[in-house]
Each structure stands twice: as structure tokens, then as C-alpha cells.
């Protein structure tokens, strides 16, 4: 990832999207594309970028989430399980991210600390 001083600008990112769409991409015949087609292809590409960014942010959020001290249901002890990949449906499509998992053996329930902030 780029440092804050070397981070690309929004304009530079937009230039990359334009290049991807026009250089052998969905809008390689730009001269014959109407506004609706340009808009649809642009939004599809931007949605893909959005999902990648969301994947990164949700993974970071999971890493920063506090593990449960006890079961939210019975207040019993929790044990850590291997991380899992979760799939969420966002407004921009499906997003995958890795999250920690904790299990209450008494309740036989798994808990994902990151879901408290994601609204799942």
C-alpha cells in the first residue's frame, strides 16, 4: 500500500480506470459508445474498486475489533477458533473478508467480533 505522501490522487486513480476501460476493455470502441454505455461500464468498474477497498477495510476492522471477554448470551468462557472468510452483501455487490471467530461451547454458538460494527 502507498504511504500517505506517495498515495495516488483521485485523478490518478480515475486515469487508471479510464485506461482499463479503453485499452482493450469494455469501452475499447469508445467512438461508438453512447453515454448510457459509458456510464454503465464506469459504474461497474468503480463498483469493483469499491468492493476491493471494502474487503481491505473490513479485514482491517476485524483485526482491530476487541475479542469478546465472555459469551454475549450466557457470559460463559469463549475459545478462539480459526479465522473465517465471511461474505457480505453490500450496496455495491458481495464483499469477502477474513474475520476472527470465537466459540461458546455452552451455547454452541460462534461469534464474530467484527460484525458488531458491520451491522451484520
PDB file of N, CA and C in Angstrom:
ATOM      1  N   UNK A   1       0.828  -1.164   0.000  1.00  0.00           N
ATOM      2  CA  UNK A   1       0.000   0.000   0.000  1.00  0.00           C
ATOM      3  C   UNK A   1       0.886   1.246   0.000  1.00  0.00           C
ATOM      4  N   UNK A   2       0.457   2.310  -0.637  1.00  0.00           N
ATOM      5  CA  UNK A   2       1.217   3.541  -0.730  1.00  0.00           C
ATOM      6  C   UNK A   2       1.205   4.279   0.604  1.00  0.00           C
ATOM      7  N   UNK A   3       2.306   4.966   0.913  1.00  0.00           N
ATOM      8  CA  UNK A   3       2.300   5.813   2.098  1.00  0.00           C
ATOM      9  C   UNK A   3       1.479   7.058   1.782  1.00  0.00           C
ATOM     10  N   UNK A   4       1.084   7.790   2.822  1.00  0.00           N
ATOM     11  CA  UNK A   4       0.229   8.963   2.635  1.00  0.00           C
ATOM     12  C   UNK A   4       0.865   9.981   1.691  1.00  0.00           C
ATOM     13  N   UNK A   5       2.199  10.146   1.749  1.00  0.00           N
ATOM     14  CA  UNK A   5       2.871  11.121   0.893  1.00  0.00           C
ATOM     15  C   UNK A   5       2.946  10.676  -0.559  1.00  0.00           C
ATOM     16  N   UNK A   6       2.956   9.372  -0.790  1.00  0.00           N
ATOM     17  CA  UNK A   6       3.068   8.845  -2.153  1.00  0.00           C
ATOM     18  C   UNK A   6       1.752   8.321  -2.690  1.00  0.00           C
ATOM     19  N   UNK A   7       0.672   8.493  -1.944  1.00  0.00           N
ATOM     20  CA  UNK A   7      -0.627   7.947  -2.344  1.00  0.00           C
ATOM     21  C   UNK A   7      -1.102   8.602  -3.636  1.00  0.00           C
ATOM     22  N   UNK A   8      -1.659   7.802  -4.550  1.00  0.00           N
ATOM     23  CA  UNK A   8      -2.173   8.392  -5.792  1.00  0.00           C
ATOM     24  C   UNK A   8      -3.381   9.284  -5.511  1.00  0.00           C
ATOM     25  N   UNK A   9      -3.540  10.290  -6.342  1.00  0.00           N
ATOM     26  CA  UNK A   9      -4.692  11.183  -6.201  1.00  0.00           C
ATOM     27  C   UNK A   9      -5.923  10.520  -6.816  1.00  0.00           C
ATOM     28  N   UNK A  10      -7.074  11.083  -6.546  1.00  0.00           N
ATOM     29  CA  UNK A  10      -8.314  10.583  -7.137  1.00  0.00           C
ATOM     30  C   UNK A  10      -8.228  10.672  -8.660  1.00  0.00           C
ATOM     31  N   UNK A  11      -7.631  11.723  -9.153  1.00  0.00           N
ATOM     32  CA  UNK A  11      -7.486  11.891 -10.595  1.00  0.00           C
ATOM     33  C   UNK A  11      -6.610  10.798 -11.194  1.00  0.00           C
ATOM     34  N   UNK A  12      -5.542  10.419 -10.488  1.00  0.00           N
ATOM     35  CA  UNK A  12      -4.662   9.359 -10.973  1.00  0.00           C
ATOM     36  C   UNK A  12      -5.386   8.008 -10.967  1.00  0.00           C
ATOM     37  N   UNK A  13      -6.168   7.782  -9.945  1.00  0.00           N
ATOM     38  CA  UNK A  13      -6.969   6.544  -9.890  1.00  0.00           C
ATOM     39  C   UNK A  13      -7.977   6.541 -11.030  1.00  0.00           C
ATOM     40  N   UNK A  14      -8.618   7.687 -11.281  1.00  0.00           N
ATOM     41  CA  UNK A  14      -9.575   7.794 -12.387  1.00  0.00           C
ATOM     42  C   UNK A  14      -8.883   7.524 -13.720  1.00  0.00           C
ATOM     43  N   UNK A  15      -7.672   8.026 -13.885  1.00  0.00           N
ATOM     44  CA  UNK A  15      -6.918   7.760 -15.118  1.00  0.00           C
ATOM     45  C   UNK A  15      -6.682   6.261 -15.308  1.00  0.00           C
ATOM     46  N   UNK A  16      -6.403   5.551 -14.226  1.00  0.00           N
ATOM     47  CA  UNK A  16      -6.214   4.099 -14.311  1.00  0.00           C
ATOM     48  C   UNK A  16      -7.502   3.391 -14.739  1.00  0.00           C
ATOM     49  N   UNK A  17      -8.634   3.852 -14.205  1.00  0.00           N
ATOM     50  CA  UNK A  17      -9.923   3.259 -14.575  1.00  0.00           C
ATOM     51  C   UNK A  17     -10.212   3.532 -16.054  1.00  0.00           C
ATOM     52  N   UNK A  18      -9.973   4.741 -16.496  1.00  0.00           N
ATOM     53  CA  UNK A  18     -10.178   5.088 -17.912  1.00  0.00           C
ATOM     54  C   UNK A  18      -9.301   4.212 -18.795  1.00  0.00           C
ATOM     55  N   UNK A  19      -8.044   4.061 -18.419  1.00  0.00           N
ATOM     56  CA  UNK A  19      -7.128   3.235 -19.214  1.00  0.00           C
ATOM     57  C   UNK A  19      -7.614   1.786 -19.246  1.00  0.00           C
ATOM     58  N   UNK A  20      -8.063   1.263 -18.119  1.00  0.00           N
ATOM     59  CA  UNK A  20      -8.535  -0.129 -18.074  1.00  0.00           C
ATOM     60  C   UNK A  20      -9.755  -0.312 -18.974  1.00  0.00           C
ATOM     61  N   UNK A  21     -10.655   0.652 -18.978  1.00  0.00           N
ATOM     62  CA  UNK A  21     -11.876   0.542 -19.782  1.00  0.00           C
ATOM     63  C   UNK A  21     -11.619   0.722 -21.273  1.00  0.00           C
ATOM     64  N   UNK A  22     -10.678   1.579 -21.627  1.00  0.00           N
ATOM     65  CA  UNK A  22     -10.498   1.913 -23.043  1.00  0.00           C
ATOM     66  C   UNK A  22      -9.411   1.107 -23.746  1.00  0.00           C
ATOM     67  N   UNK A  23      -8.431   0.633 -23.031  1.00  0.00           N
ATOM     68  CA  UNK A  23      -7.322  -0.091 -23.656  1.00  0.00           C
ATOM     69  C   UNK A  23      -7.600  -1.590 -23.617  1.00  0.00           C
ATOM     70  N   UNK A  24      -8.413  -2.045 -24.552  1.00  0.00           N
ATOM     71  CA  UNK A  24      -8.751  -3.465 -24.629  1.00  0.00           C
ATOM     72  C   UNK A  24      -9.829  -3.882 -23.653  1.00  0.00           C
ATOM     73  N   UNK A  25     -10.467  -2.911 -23.020  1.00  0.00           N
ATOM     74  CA  UNK A  25     -11.518  -3.219 -22.056  1.00  0.00           C
ATOM     75  C   UNK A  25     -12.901  -3.091 -22.666  1.00  0.00           C
ATOM     76  N   UNK A  26     -13.883  -2.891 -21.819  1.00  0.00           N
ATOM     77  CA  UNK A  26     -15.285  -2.848 -22.244  1.00  0.00           C
ATOM     78  C   UNK A  26     -15.603  -1.652 -23.141  1.00  0.00           C
ATOM     79  N   UNK A  27     -14.763  -0.612 -23.101  1.00  0.00           N
ATOM     80  CA  UNK A  27     -15.010   0.570 -23.937  1.00  0.00           C
ATOM     81  C   UNK A  27     -13.874   0.796 -24.932  1.00  0.00           C
ATOM     82  N   UNK A  28     -13.327  -0.292 -25.461  1.00  0.00           N
ATOM     83  CA  UNK A  28     -12.226  -0.150 -26.423  1.00  0.00           C
ATOM     84  C   UNK A  28     -12.691   0.530 -27.715  1.00  0.00           C
ATOM     85  N   UNK A  29     -13.996   0.440 -28.017  1.00  0.00           N
ATOM     86  CA  UNK A  29     -14.577   1.136 -29.165  1.00  0.00           C
ATOM     87  C   UNK A  29     -15.324   2.375 -28.655  1.00  0.00           C
ATOM     88  N   UNK A  30     -14.586   3.254 -28.000  1.00  0.00           N
ATOM     89  CA  UNK A  30     -15.171   4.428 -27.350  1.00  0.00           C
ATOM     90  C   UNK A  30     -15.906   5.345 -28.324  1.00  0.00           C
ATOM     91  N   UNK A  31     -15.451   5.432 -29.542  1.00  0.00           N
ATOM     92  CA  UNK A  31     -16.074   6.316 -30.536  1.00  0.00           C
ATOM     93  C   UNK A  31     -17.538   5.943 -30.778  1.00  0.00           C
ATOM     94  N   UNK A  32     -17.896   4.670 -30.585  1.00  0.00           N
ATOM     95  CA  UNK A  32     -19.260   4.227 -30.852  1.00  0.00           C
ATOM     96  C   UNK A  32     -20.069   3.962 -29.572  1.00  0.00           C
ATOM     97  N   UNK A  33     -19.548   4.360 -28.436  1.00  0.00           N
ATOM     98  CA  UNK A  33     -20.255   4.140 -27.168  1.00  0.00           C
ATOM     99  C   UNK A  33     -21.114   5.352 -26.843  1.00  0.00           C
ATOM    100  N   UNK A  34     -22.353   5.094 -26.452  1.00  0.00           N
ATOM    101  CA  UNK A  34     -23.213   6.206 -26.039  1.00  0.00           C
ATOM    102  C   UNK A  34     -23.038   6.472 -24.537  1.00  0.00           C
ATOM    103  N   UNK A  35     -23.639   7.544 -24.060  1.00  0.00           N
ATOM    104  CA  UNK A  35     -23.489   7.963 -22.669  1.00  0.00           C
ATOM    105  C   UNK A  35     -23.934   6.871 -21.694  1.00  0.00           C
ATOM    106  N   UNK A  36     -25.038   6.201 -21.992  1.00  0.00           N
ATOM    107  CA  UNK A  36     -25.543   5.152 -21.103  1.00  0.00           C
ATOM    108  C   UNK A  36     -24.524   4.019 -20.972  1.00  0.00           C
ATOM    109  N   UNK A  37     -23.949   3.598 -22.083  1.00  0.00           N
ATOM    110  CA  UNK A  37     -22.948   2.518 -22.049  1.00  0.00           C
ATOM    111  C   UNK A  37     -21.713   2.949 -21.273  1.00  0.00           C
ATOM    112  N   UNK A  38     -21.263   4.192 -21.511  1.00  0.00           N
ATOM    113  CA  UNK A  38     -20.100   4.714 -20.779  1.00  0.00           C
ATOM    114  C   UNK A  38     -20.390   4.731 -19.282  1.00  0.00           C
ATOM    115  N   UNK A  39     -21.585   5.189 -18.922  1.00  0.00           N
ATOM    116  CA  UNK A  39     -21.960   5.242 -17.504  1.00  0.00           C
ATOM    117  C   UNK A  39     -22.015   3.839 -16.894  1.00  0.00           C
ATOM    118  N   UNK A  40     -22.663   2.907 -17.577  1.00  0.00           N
ATOM    119  CA  UNK A  40     -22.787   1.537 -17.056  1.00  0.00           C
ATOM    120  C   UNK A  40     -21.428   0.890 -16.842  1.00  0.00           C
ATOM    121  N   UNK A  41     -20.538   1.013 -17.800  1.00  0.00           N
ATOM    122  CA  UNK A  41     -19.214   0.390 -17.696  1.00  0.00           C
ATOM    123  C   UNK A  41     -18.366   1.072 -16.626  1.00  0.00           C
ATOM    124  N   UNK A  42     -18.486   2.395 -16.534  1.00  0.00           N
ATOM    125  CA  UNK A  42     -17.759   3.132 -15.495  1.00  0.00           C
ATOM    126  C   UNK A  42     -18.232   2.706 -14.114  1.00  0.00           C
ATOM    127  N   UNK A  43     -19.533   2.650 -13.920  1.00  0.00           N
ATOM    128  CA  UNK A  43     -20.068   2.257 -12.612  1.00  0.00           C
ATOM    129  C   UNK A  43     -19.695   0.815 -12.255  1.00  0.00           C
ATOM    130  N   UNK A  44     -19.697  -0.069 -13.231  1.00  0.00           N
ATOM    131  CA  UNK A  44     -19.300  -1.460 -12.973  1.00  0.00           C
ATOM    132  C   UNK A  44     -17.849  -1.518 -12.505  1.00  0.00           C
ATOM    133  N   UNK A  45     -16.980  -0.751 -13.153  1.00  0.00           N
ATOM    134  CA  UNK A  45     -15.565  -0.739 -12.768  1.00  0.00           C
ATOM    135  C   UNK A  45     -15.373  -0.095 -11.399  1.00  0.00           C
ATOM    136  N   UNK A  46     -16.069   1.001 -11.145  1.00  0.00           N
ATOM    137  CA  UNK A  46     -15.965   1.683  -9.847  1.00  0.00           C
ATOM    138  C   UNK A  46     -16.530   0.805  -8.732  1.00  0.00           C
ATOM    139  N   UNK A  47     -17.598   0.081  -9.014  1.00  0.00           N
ATOM    140  CA  UNK A  47     -18.144  -0.848  -8.020  1.00  0.00           C
ATOM    141  C   UNK A  47     -17.120  -1.926  -7.677  1.00  0.00           C
ATOM    142  N   UNK A  48     -16.397  -2.401  -8.678  1.00  0.00           N
ATOM    143  CA  UNK A  48     -15.367  -3.409  -8.422  1.00  0.00           C
ATOM    144  C   UNK A  48     -14.269  -2.829  -7.525  1.00  0.00           C
ATOM    145  N   UNK A  49     -13.847  -1.612  -7.796  1.00  0.00           N
ATOM    146  CA  UNK A  49     -12.844  -0.944  -6.958  1.00  0.00           C
ATOM    147  C   UNK A  49     -13.391  -0.774  -5.540  1.00  0.00           C
ATOM    148  N   UNK A  50     -14.654  -0.375  -5.430  1.00  0.00           N
ATOM    149  CA  UNK A  50     -15.277  -0.197  -4.124  1.00  0.00           C
ATOM    150  C   UNK A  50     -15.256  -1.494  -3.319  1.00  0.00           C
ATOM    151  N   UNK A  51     -15.562  -2.603  -3.961  1.00  0.00           N
ATOM    152  CA  UNK A  51     -15.558  -3.895  -3.254  1.00  0.00           C
ATOM    153  C   UNK A  51     -14.160  -4.262  -2.771  1.00  0.00           C
ATOM    154  N   UNK A  52     -13.145  -3.986  -3.586  1.00  0.00           N
ATOM    155  CA  UNK A  52     -11.771  -4.268  -3.174  1.00  0.00           C
ATOM    156  C   UNK A  52     -11.407  -3.416  -1.959  1.00  0.00           C
ATOM    157  N   UNK A  53     -11.767  -2.144  -1.992  1.00  0.00           N
ATOM    158  CA  UNK A  53     -11.490  -1.250  -0.855  1.00  0.00           C
ATOM    159  C   UNK A  53     -12.236  -1.734   0.384  1.00  0.00           C
ATOM    160  N   UNK A  54     -13.492  -2.115   0.220  1.00  0.00           N
ATOM    161  CA  UNK A  54     -14.277  -2.603   1.360  1.00  0.00           C
ATOM    162  C   UNK A  54     -13.677  -3.882   1.931  1.00  0.00           C
ATOM    163  N   UNK A  55     -13.208  -4.789   1.064  1.00  0.00           N
ATOM    164  CA  UNK A  55     -12.540  -6.011   1.530  1.00  0.00           C
ATOM    165  C   UNK A  55     -11.376  -5.647   2.456  1.00  0.00           C
ATOM    166  N   UNK A  56     -10.563  -4.704   2.007  1.00  0.00           N
ATOM    167  CA  UNK A  56      -9.395  -4.278   2.787  1.00  0.00           C
ATOM    168  C   UNK A  56      -9.824  -3.662   4.117  1.00  0.00           C
ATOM    169  N   UNK A  57     -10.802  -2.764   4.067  1.00  0.00           N
ATOM    170  CA  UNK A  57     -11.223  -2.071   5.287  1.00  0.00           C
ATOM    171  C   UNK A  57     -11.888  -3.016   6.286  1.00  0.00           C
ATOM    172  N   UNK A  58     -12.711  -3.934   5.803  1.00  0.00           N
ATOM    173  CA  UNK A  58     -13.363  -4.884   6.716  1.00  0.00           C
ATOM    174  C   UNK A  58     -12.341  -5.821   7.349  1.00  0.00           C
ATOM    175  N   UNK A  59     -11.329  -6.216   6.582  1.00  0.00           N
ATOM    176  CA  UNK A  59     -10.261  -7.040   7.143  1.00  0.00           C
ATOM    177  C   UNK A  59      -9.499  -6.300   8.226  1.00  0.00           C
ATOM    178  N   UNK A  60      -9.202  -5.022   7.977  1.00  0.00           N
ATOM    179  CA  UNK A  60      -8.520  -4.203   8.984  1.00  0.00           C
ATOM    180  C   UNK A  60      -9.409  -4.017  10.207  1.00  0.00           C
ATOM    181  N   UNK A  61     -10.698  -3.781   9.985  1.00  0.00           N
ATOM    182  CA  UNK A  61     -11.629  -3.601  11.092  1.00  0.00           C
ATOM    183  C   UNK A  61     -11.680  -4.860  11.956  1.00  0.00           C
ATOM    184  N   UNK A  62     -11.695  -6.007  11.316  1.00  0.00           N
ATOM    185  CA  UNK A  62     -11.714  -7.278  12.047  1.00  0.00           C
ATOM    186  C   UNK A  62     -10.481  -7.398  12.927  1.00  0.00           C
ATOM    187  N   UNK A  63      -9.327  -6.992  12.394  1.00  0.00           N
ATOM    188  CA  UNK A  63      -8.087  -7.054  13.157  1.00  0.00           C
ATOM    189  C   UNK A  63      -8.057  -6.102  14.333  1.00  0.00           C
ATOM    190  N   UNK A  64      -8.829  -5.020  14.242  1.00  0.00           N
ATOM    191  CA  UNK A  64      -8.859  -4.026  15.316  1.00  0.00           C
ATOM    192  C   UNK A  64      -9.981  -4.272  16.320  1.00  0.00           C
ATOM    193  N   UNK A  65     -10.901  -5.185  16.014  1.00  0.00           N
ATOM    194  CA  UNK A  65     -12.030  -5.462  16.907  1.00  0.00           C
ATOM    195  C   UNK A  65     -11.549  -6.152  18.172  1.00  0.00           C
ATOM    196  N   UNK A  66     -12.168  -5.802  19.280  1.00  0.00           N
ATOM    197  CA  UNK A  66     -11.831  -6.418  20.554  1.00  0.00           C
ATOM    198  C   UNK A  66     -12.465  -7.799  20.652  1.00  0.00           C
ATOM    199  N   UNK A  67     -11.694  -8.813  21.020  1.00  0.00           N
ATOM    200  CA  UNK A  67     -12.292 -10.144  21.186  1.00  0.00           C
ATOM    201  C   UNK A  67     -13.239 -10.139  22.378  1.00  0.00           C
ATOM    202  N   UNK A  68     -14.291 -10.922  22.319  1.00  0.00           N
ATOM    203  CA  UNK A  68     -15.233 -10.959  23.436  1.00  0.00           C
ATOM    204  C   UNK A  68     -14.557 -11.559  24.672  1.00  0.00           C
ATOM    205  N   UNK A  69     -14.815 -10.962  25.826  1.00  0.00           N
ATOM    206  CA  UNK A  69     -14.262 -11.461  27.084  1.00  0.00           C
ATOM    207  C   UNK A  69     -15.067 -12.648  27.590  1.00  0.00           C
ATOM    208  N   UNK A  70     -16.345 -12.657  27.262  1.00  0.00           N
ATOM    209  CA  UNK A  70     -17.222 -13.759  27.645  1.00  0.00           C
ATOM    210  C   UNK A  70     -18.354 -13.829  26.634  1.00  0.00           C
ATOM    211  N   UNK A  71     -19.099 -14.920  26.677  1.00  0.00           N
ATOM    212  CA  UNK A  71     -20.204 -15.113  25.745  1.00  0.00           C
ATOM    213  C   UNK A  71     -21.257 -14.027  25.947  1.00  0.00           C
ATOM    214  N   UNK A  72     -21.653 -13.350  24.873  1.00  0.00           N
ATOM    215  CA  UNK A  72     -22.681 -12.318  24.998  1.00  0.00           C
ATOM    216  C   UNK A  72     -24.033 -12.871  25.465  1.00  0.00           C
ATOM    217  N   UNK A  73     -24.248 -14.164  25.262  1.00  0.00           N
ATOM    218  CA  UNK A  73     -25.536 -14.754  25.621  1.00  0.00           C
ATOM    219  C   UNK A  73     -25.557 -15.280  27.063  1.00  0.00           C
ATOM    220  N   UNK A  74     -24.559 -16.121  27.421  1.00  0.00           N
ATOM    221  CA  UNK A  74     -24.579 -16.759  28.743  1.00  0.00           C
ATOM    222  C   UNK A  74     -23.491 -16.258  29.681  1.00  0.00           C
ATOM    223  N   UNK A  75     -22.604 -15.406  29.176  1.00  0.00           N
ATOM    224  CA  UNK A  75     -21.467 -14.865  29.934  1.00  0.00           C
ATOM    225  C   UNK A  75     -20.412 -15.919  30.277  1.00  0.00           C
ATOM    226  N   UNK A  76     -20.480 -17.089  29.616  1.00  0.00           N
ATOM    227  CA  UNK A  76     -19.505 -18.150  29.828  1.00  0.00           C
ATOM    228  C   UNK A  76     -18.217 -17.877  29.071  1.00  0.00           C
ATOM    229  N   UNK A  77     -17.218 -18.752  29.243  1.00  0.00           N
ATOM    230  CA  UNK A  77     -15.927 -18.562  28.570  1.00  0.00           C
ATOM    231  C   UNK A  77     -16.031 -18.798  27.064  1.00  0.00           C
ATOM    232  N   UNK A  78     -15.148 -18.112  26.352  1.00  0.00           N
ATOM    233  CA  UNK A  78     -15.089 -18.241  24.898  1.00  0.00           C
ATOM    234  C   UNK A  78     -13.750 -18.868  24.517  1.00  0.00           C
ATOM    235  N   UNK A  79     -13.734 -19.640  23.441  1.00  0.00           N
ATOM    236  CA  UNK A  79     -12.474 -20.154  22.912  1.00  0.00           C
ATOM    237  C   UNK A  79     -12.318 -19.648  21.476  1.00  0.00           C
ATOM    238  N   UNK A  80     -11.068 -19.398  21.112  1.00  0.00           N
ATOM    239  CA  UNK A  80     -10.789 -18.874  19.772  1.00  0.00           C
ATOM    240  C   UNK A  80     -10.749 -20.022  18.771  1.00  0.00           C
ATOM    241  N   UNK A  81     -11.341 -19.776  17.610  1.00  0.00           N
ATOM    242  CA  UNK A  81     -11.340 -20.740  16.511  1.00  0.00           C
ATOM    243  C   UNK A  81     -10.521 -20.140  15.367  1.00  0.00           C
ATOM    244  N   UNK A  82     -10.214 -20.933  14.360  1.00  0.00           N
ATOM    245  CA  UNK A  82      -9.507 -20.374  13.199  1.00  0.00           C
ATOM    246  C   UNK A  82     -10.351 -19.280  12.527  1.00  0.00           C
ATOM    247  N   UNK A  83      -9.666 -18.287  11.980  1.00  0.00           N
ATOM    248  CA  UNK A  83     -10.353 -17.210  11.263  1.00  0.00           C
ATOM    249  C   UNK A  83     -11.165 -17.790  10.114  1.00  0.00           C
ATOM    250  N   UNK A  84     -12.229 -17.065   9.740  1.00  0.00           N
ATOM    251  CA  UNK A  84     -13.083 -17.490   8.632  1.00  0.00           C
ATOM    252  C   UNK A  84     -13.235 -16.350   7.635  1.00  0.00           C
ATOM    253  N   UNK A  85     -13.487 -16.739   6.397  1.00  0.00           N
ATOM    254  CA  UNK A  85     -13.820 -15.758   5.371  1.00  0.00           C
ATOM    255  C   UNK A  85     -15.330 -15.580   5.399  1.00  0.00           C
ATOM    256  N   UNK A  86     -15.760 -14.336   5.525  1.00  0.00           N
ATOM    257  CA  UNK A  86     -17.190 -14.032   5.540  1.00  0.00           C
ATOM    258  C   UNK A  86     -17.568 -13.394   4.211  1.00  0.00           C
ATOM    259  N   UNK A  87     -18.798 -13.565   3.819  1.00  0.00           N
ATOM    260  CA  UNK A  87     -19.329 -12.981   2.593  1.00  0.00           C
ATOM    261  C   UNK A  87     -20.503 -12.104   2.982  1.00  0.00           C
ATOM    262  N   UNK A  88     -20.422 -10.829   2.649  1.00  0.00           N
ATOM    263  CA  UNK A  88     -21.482  -9.876   2.956  1.00  0.00           C
ATOM    264  C   UNK A  88     -22.020  -9.283   1.667  1.00  0.00           C
ATOM    265  N   UNK A  89     -23.303  -8.974   1.663  1.00  0.00           N
ATOM    266  CA  UNK A  89     -23.910  -8.308   0.517  1.00  0.00           C
ATOM    267  C   UNK A  89     -23.966  -6.819   0.819  1.00  0.00           C
ATOM    268  N   UNK A  90     -23.246  -6.024   0.038  1.00  0.00           N
ATOM    269  CA  UNK A  90     -23.270  -4.572   0.204  1.00  0.00           C
ATOM    270  C   UNK A  90     -24.103  -3.953  -0.922  1.00  0.00           C
ATOM    271  N   UNK A  91     -24.256  -2.661  -0.871  1.00  0.00           N
ATOM    272  CA  UNK A  91     -24.968  -1.954  -1.940  1.00  0.00           C
ATOM    273  C   UNK A  91     -24.213  -2.041  -3.267  1.00  0.00           C
ATOM    274  N   UNK A  92     -22.922  -2.345  -3.218  1.00  0.00           N
ATOM    275  CA  UNK A  92     -22.087  -2.402  -4.419  1.00  0.00           C
ATOM    276  C   UNK A  92     -21.721  -3.819  -4.822  1.00  0.00           C
ATOM    277  N   UNK A  93     -22.351  -4.807  -4.195  1.00  0.00           N
ATOM    278  CA  UNK A  93     -22.069  -6.197  -4.529  1.00  0.00           C
ATOM    279  C   UNK A  93     -21.540  -6.949  -3.325  1.00  0.00           C
ATOM    280  N   UNK A  94     -21.170  -8.199  -3.562  1.00  0.00           N
ATOM    281  CA  UNK A  94     -20.685  -9.051  -2.480  1.00  0.00           C
ATOM    282  C   UNK A  94     -19.261  -8.693  -2.098  1.00  0.00           C
ATOM    283  N   UNK A  95     -19.022  -8.704  -0.800  1.00  0.00           N
ATOM    284  CA  UNK A  95     -17.715  -8.367  -0.250  1.00  0.00           C
ATOM    285  C   UNK A  95     -17.252  -9.545   0.602  1.00  0.00           C
ATOM    286  N   UNK A  96     -16.003  -9.959   0.404  1.00  0.00           N
ATOM    287  CA  UNK A  96     -15.415 -11.056   1.184  1.00  0.00           C
ATOM    288  C   UNK A  96     -14.335 -10.472   2.085  1.00  0.00           C
ATOM    289  N   UNK A  97     -14.278 -10.960   3.329  1.00  0.00           N
ATOM    290  CA  UNK A  97     -13.209 -10.547   4.218  1.00  0.00           C
ATOM    291  C   UNK A  97     -12.975 -11.615   5.267  1.00  0.00           C
ATOM    292  N   UNK A  98     -11.794 -11.598   5.833  1.00  0.00           N
ATOM    293  CA  UNK A  98     -11.405 -12.581   6.837  1.00  0.00           C
ATOM    294  C   UNK A  98     -11.648 -11.984   8.223  1.00  0.00           C
ATOM    295  N   UNK A  99     -12.215 -12.784   9.135  1.00  0.00           N
ATOM    296  CA  UNK A  99     -12.515 -12.296  10.473  1.00  0.00           C
ATOM    297  C   UNK A  99     -12.210 -13.353  11.524  1.00  0.00           C
ATOM    298  N   UNK A 100     -11.931 -12.893  12.735  1.00  0.00           N
ATOM    299  CA  UNK A 100     -11.710 -13.797  13.859  1.00  0.00           C
ATOM    300  C   UNK A 100     -13.032 -14.445  14.253  1.00  0.00           C
ATOM    301  N   UNK A 101     -12.938 -15.615  14.874  1.00  0.00           N
ATOM    302  CA  UNK A 101     -14.124 -16.351  15.313  1.00  0.00           C
ATOM    303  C   UNK A 101     -13.886 -16.823  16.751  1.00  0.00           C
ATOM    304  N   UNK A 102     -14.901 -16.647  17.588  1.00  0.00           N
ATOM    305  CA  UNK A 102     -14.851 -17.128  18.965  1.00  0.00           C
ATOM    306  C   UNK A 102     -16.082 -17.987  19.206  1.00  0.00           C
ATOM    307  N   UNK A 103     -15.904 -19.053  19.977  1.00  0.00           N
ATOM    308  CA  UNK A 103     -16.991 -20.010  20.195  1.00  0.00           C
ATOM    309  C   UNK A 103     -17.293 -20.149  21.674  1.00  0.00           C
ATOM    310  N   UNK A 104     -18.592 -20.195  21.975  1.00  0.00           N
ATOM    311  CA  UNK A 104     -19.075 -20.540  23.305  1.00  0.00           C
ATOM    312  C   UNK A 104     -19.538 -21.988  23.217  1.00  0.00           C
ATOM    313  N   UNK A 105     -18.826 -22.866  23.893  1.00  0.00           N
ATOM    314  CA  UNK A 105     -19.187 -24.289  23.854  1.00  0.00           C
ATOM    315  C   UNK A 105     -20.508 -24.539  24.573  1.00  0.00           C
ATOM    316  N   UNK A 106     -20.789 -23.761  25.617  1.00  0.00           N
ATOM    317  CA  UNK A 106     -22.036 -23.956  26.362  1.00  0.00           C
ATOM    318  C   UNK A 106     -23.251 -23.639  25.490  1.00  0.00           C
ATOM    319  N   UNK A 107     -23.187 -22.556  24.752  1.00  0.00           N
ATOM    320  CA  UNK A 107     -24.306 -22.146  23.890  1.00  0.00           C
ATOM    321  C   UNK A 107     -24.215 -22.784  22.496  1.00  0.00           C
ATOM    322  N   UNK A 108     -23.046 -23.312  22.177  1.00  0.00           N
ATOM    323  CA  UNK A 108     -22.772 -23.868  20.852  1.00  0.00           C
ATOM    324  C   UNK A 108     -22.966 -22.829  19.748  1.00  0.00           C
ATOM    325  N   UNK A 109     -22.477 -21.618  20.040  1.00  0.00           N
ATOM    326  CA  UNK A 109     -22.596 -20.506  19.100  1.00  0.00           C
ATOM    327  C   UNK A 109     -21.221 -19.930  18.797  1.00  0.00           C
ATOM    328  N   UNK A 110     -21.050 -19.478  17.546  1.00  0.00           N
ATOM    329  CA  UNK A 110     -19.844 -18.770  17.136  1.00  0.00           C
ATOM    330  C   UNK A 110     -20.141 -17.278  17.111  1.00  0.00           C
ATOM    331  N   UNK A 111     -19.143 -16.483  17.473  1.00  0.00           N
ATOM    332  CA  UNK A 111     -19.278 -15.028  17.474  1.00  0.00           C
ATOM    333  C   UNK A 111     -18.147 -14.426  16.662  1.00  0.00           C
ATOM    334  N   UNK A 112     -18.485 -13.398  15.912  1.00  0.00           N
ATOM    335  CA  UNK A 112     -17.546 -12.700  15.055  1.00  0.00           C
ATOM    336  C   UNK A 112     -17.453 -11.262  15.557  1.00  0.00           C
ATOM    337  N   UNK A 113     -16.383 -10.900  16.248  1.00  0.00           N
ATOM    338  CA  UNK A 113     -16.304  -9.558  16.844  1.00  0.00           C
ATOM    339  C   UNK A 113     -16.488  -8.429  15.855  1.00  0.00           C
ATOM    340  N   UNK A 114     -16.029  -8.606  14.617  1.00  0.00           N
ATOM    341  CA  UNK A 114     -16.123  -7.525  13.647  1.00  0.00           C
ATOM    342  C   UNK A 114     -17.551  -7.216  13.234  1.00  0.00           C
ATOM    343  N   UNK A 115     -18.482  -8.149  13.426  1.00  0.00           N
ATOM    344  CA  UNK A 115     -19.846  -7.915  12.970  1.00  0.00           C
ATOM    345  C   UNK A 115     -20.589  -6.897  13.812  1.00  0.00           C
ATOM    346  N   UNK A 116     -20.065  -6.568  14.993  1.00  0.00           N
ATOM    347  CA  UNK A 116     -20.722  -5.541  15.800  1.00  0.00           C
ATOM    348  C   UNK A 116     -20.723  -4.209  15.067  1.00  0.00           C
ATOM    349  N   UNK A 117     -19.667  -3.924  14.303  1.00  0.00           N
ATOM    350  CA  UNK A 117     -19.571  -2.660  13.581  1.00  0.00           C
ATOM    351  C   UNK A 117     -20.092  -2.729  12.153  1.00  0.00           C
ATOM    352  N   UNK A 118     -20.172  -3.921  11.576  1.00  0.00           N
ATOM    353  CA  UNK A 118     -20.593  -4.023  10.177  1.00  0.00           C
ATOM    354  C   UNK A 118     -22.103  -4.070  10.032  1.00  0.00           C
ATOM    355  N   UNK A 119     -22.820  -4.242  11.119  1.00  0.00           N
ATOM    356  CA  UNK A 119     -24.274  -4.273  11.045  1.00  0.00           C
ATOM    357  C   UNK A 119     -24.817  -5.591  10.549  1.00  0.00           C
ATOM    358  N   UNK A 120     -24.027  -6.659  10.640  1.00  0.00           N
ATOM    359  CA  UNK A 120     -24.473  -7.974  10.186  1.00  0.00           C
ATOM    360  C   UNK A 120     -25.328  -8.608  11.253  1.00  0.00           C
TER     361      UNK A 120
END
